[in-house]
């Protein structure tokens, strides 16, 4: 099973977030930074060496995408950012 990517579903992700907030004292900003960094690392390792397109909408998932884009740029990757719904 080495190399397999595993994901958790909605309720488990929600419960994990709640535990990180309430038990460990993480802030929303800290969790968003960690999520975006993880997305950037995985994208950098698995995507072709061309441009990476980030589609980021409103809300926390969109914030994760913006953080991922910033990290990818710091990794030296070319990033196109599509942000269709600005507040």
C-alpha atoms as a PDB file:
ATOM      1  CA  UNK A   1       0.000   0.000   0.000  1.00  0.00           C
ATOM      2  CA  UNK A   2       2.970   2.302  -0.202  1.00  0.00           C
ATOM      3  CA  UNK A   3       2.314   5.309  -2.398  1.00  0.00           C
ATOM      4  CA  UNK A   4      -1.465   5.159  -2.095  1.00  0.00           C
ATOM      5  CA  UNK A   5      -3.265   8.409  -1.477  1.00  0.00           C
ATOM      6  CA  UNK A   6      -6.051   8.198   1.061  1.00  0.00           C
ATOM      7  CA  UNK A   7      -8.784  10.688   1.677  1.00  0.00           C
ATOM      8  CA  UNK A   8     -11.285  11.175   4.448  1.00  0.00           C
ATOM      9  CA  UNK A   9     -14.917  12.014   3.830  1.00  0.00           C
ATOM     10  CA  UNK A  10     -16.938  15.020   4.956  1.00  0.00           C
ATOM     11  CA  UNK A  11     -17.982  14.012   8.466  1.00  0.00           C
ATOM     12  CA  UNK A  12     -14.526  12.679   9.367  1.00  0.00           C
ATOM     13  CA  UNK A  13     -12.895  15.856   8.004  1.00  0.00           C
ATOM     14  CA  UNK A  14     -15.320  17.993  10.019  1.00  0.00           C
ATOM     15  CA  UNK A  15     -14.601  15.984  13.189  1.00  0.00           C
ATOM     16  CA  UNK A  16     -10.865  16.298  12.623  1.00  0.00           C
ATOM     17  CA  UNK A  17     -11.176  20.071  12.159  1.00  0.00           C
ATOM     18  CA  UNK A  18     -13.207  20.356  15.358  1.00  0.00           C
ATOM     19  CA  UNK A  19     -10.612  18.384  17.309  1.00  0.00           C
ATOM     20  CA  UNK A  20      -7.795  20.525  15.909  1.00  0.00           C
ATOM     21  CA  UNK A  21      -9.703  23.710  16.839  1.00  0.00           C
ATOM     22  CA  UNK A  22     -11.025  22.712  20.250  1.00  0.00           C
ATOM     23  CA  UNK A  23      -8.491  20.247  21.644  1.00  0.00           C
ATOM     24  CA  UNK A  24      -5.234  21.428  20.082  1.00  0.00           C
ATOM     25  CA  UNK A  25      -6.012  25.137  19.690  1.00  0.00           C
ATOM     26  CA  UNK A  26      -5.242  25.552  15.983  1.00  0.00           C
ATOM     27  CA  UNK A  27      -6.668  28.665  14.321  1.00  0.00           C
ATOM     28  CA  UNK A  28      -8.486  28.652  10.987  1.00  0.00           C
ATOM     29  CA  UNK A  29      -5.538  30.506   9.445  1.00  0.00           C
ATOM     30  CA  UNK A  30      -3.094  27.855  10.651  1.00  0.00           C
ATOM     31  CA  UNK A  31      -5.215  25.011   9.272  1.00  0.00           C
ATOM     32  CA  UNK A  32      -5.630  26.818   5.943  1.00  0.00           C
ATOM     33  CA  UNK A  33      -1.873  27.333   5.715  1.00  0.00           C
ATOM     34  CA  UNK A  34      -1.207  23.647   6.409  1.00  0.00           C
ATOM     35  CA  UNK A  35      -3.874  22.486   3.926  1.00  0.00           C
ATOM     36  CA  UNK A  36      -2.541  24.774   1.198  1.00  0.00           C
ATOM     37  CA  UNK A  37       1.025  23.647   1.830  1.00  0.00           C
ATOM     38  CA  UNK A  38       0.002  19.974   1.575  1.00  0.00           C
ATOM     39  CA  UNK A  39      -1.836  20.616  -1.701  1.00  0.00           C
ATOM     40  CA  UNK A  40       1.187  22.473  -3.066  1.00  0.00           C
ATOM     41  CA  UNK A  41       3.622  19.705  -2.116  1.00  0.00           C
ATOM     42  CA  UNK A  42       1.433  16.990  -3.664  1.00  0.00           C
ATOM     43  CA  UNK A  43       0.864  19.068  -6.799  1.00  0.00           C
ATOM     44  CA  UNK A  44       4.553  19.836  -7.189  1.00  0.00           C
ATOM     45  CA  UNK A  45       5.487  16.170  -6.850  1.00  0.00           C
ATOM     46  CA  UNK A  46       2.824  14.733  -9.139  1.00  0.00           C
ATOM     47  CA  UNK A  47       2.095  17.362 -11.825  1.00  0.00           C
ATOM     48  CA  UNK A  48       4.046  17.738 -15.029  1.00  0.00           C
ATOM     49  CA  UNK A  49       6.656  20.475 -14.899  1.00  0.00           C
ATOM     50  CA  UNK A  50       4.464  22.902 -16.895  1.00  0.00           C
ATOM     51  CA  UNK A  51       2.046  25.429 -15.492  1.00  0.00           C
ATOM     52  CA  UNK A  52      -0.363  24.441 -12.739  1.00  0.00           C
ATOM     53  CA  UNK A  53      -3.898  25.794 -12.835  1.00  0.00           C
ATOM     54  CA  UNK A  54      -5.487  26.604  -9.475  1.00  0.00           C
ATOM     55  CA  UNK A  55      -9.264  27.140  -9.527  1.00  0.00           C
ATOM     56  CA  UNK A  56     -10.204  28.841  -6.267  1.00  0.00           C
ATOM     57  CA  UNK A  57     -13.710  29.827  -5.282  1.00  0.00           C
ATOM     58  CA  UNK A  58     -14.981  31.634  -2.230  1.00  0.00           C
ATOM     59  CA  UNK A  59     -14.773  30.188   1.252  1.00  0.00           C
ATOM     60  CA  UNK A  60     -12.208  28.096   3.055  1.00  0.00           C
ATOM     61  CA  UNK A  61     -11.473  25.704   0.181  1.00  0.00           C
ATOM     62  CA  UNK A  62     -10.774  28.690  -2.057  1.00  0.00           C
ATOM     63  CA  UNK A  63      -8.457  30.046   0.617  1.00  0.00           C
ATOM     64  CA  UNK A  64      -6.622  26.729   0.644  1.00  0.00           C
ATOM     65  CA  UNK A  65      -6.198  27.077  -3.128  1.00  0.00           C
ATOM     66  CA  UNK A  66      -4.769  30.590  -2.798  1.00  0.00           C
ATOM     67  CA  UNK A  67      -2.293  29.379  -0.182  1.00  0.00           C
ATOM     68  CA  UNK A  68      -1.337  26.438  -2.441  1.00  0.00           C
ATOM     69  CA  UNK A  69      -0.740  28.831  -5.335  1.00  0.00           C
ATOM     70  CA  UNK A  70       1.553  30.985  -3.183  1.00  0.00           C
ATOM     71  CA  UNK A  71       3.597  27.970  -2.089  1.00  0.00           C
ATOM     72  CA  UNK A  72       3.854  26.643  -5.647  1.00  0.00           C
ATOM     73  CA  UNK A  73       5.215  29.995  -6.799  1.00  0.00           C
ATOM     74  CA  UNK A  74       7.795  29.830  -3.992  1.00  0.00           C
ATOM     75  CA  UNK A  75       8.699  26.325  -5.228  1.00  0.00           C
ATOM     76  CA  UNK A  76       9.503  27.903  -8.597  1.00  0.00           C
ATOM     77  CA  UNK A  77       6.401  26.615 -10.389  1.00  0.00           C
ATOM     78  CA  UNK A  78       4.399  28.643 -12.878  1.00  0.00           C
ATOM     79  CA  UNK A  79       0.829  29.045 -11.657  1.00  0.00           C
ATOM     80  CA  UNK A  80      -2.306  30.265 -13.389  1.00  0.00           C
ATOM     81  CA  UNK A  81      -4.973  31.267 -10.894  1.00  0.00           C
ATOM     82  CA  UNK A  82      -8.656  31.238 -11.815  1.00  0.00           C
ATOM     83  CA  UNK A  83     -10.770  32.998  -9.195  1.00  0.00           C
ATOM     84  CA  UNK A  84     -14.222  33.417 -10.764  1.00  0.00           C
ATOM     85  CA  UNK A  85     -16.265  34.625  -7.808  1.00  0.00           C
ATOM     86  CA  UNK A  86     -14.671  37.553  -6.026  1.00  0.00           C
ATOM     87  CA  UNK A  87     -16.348  39.002  -2.958  1.00  0.00           C
END
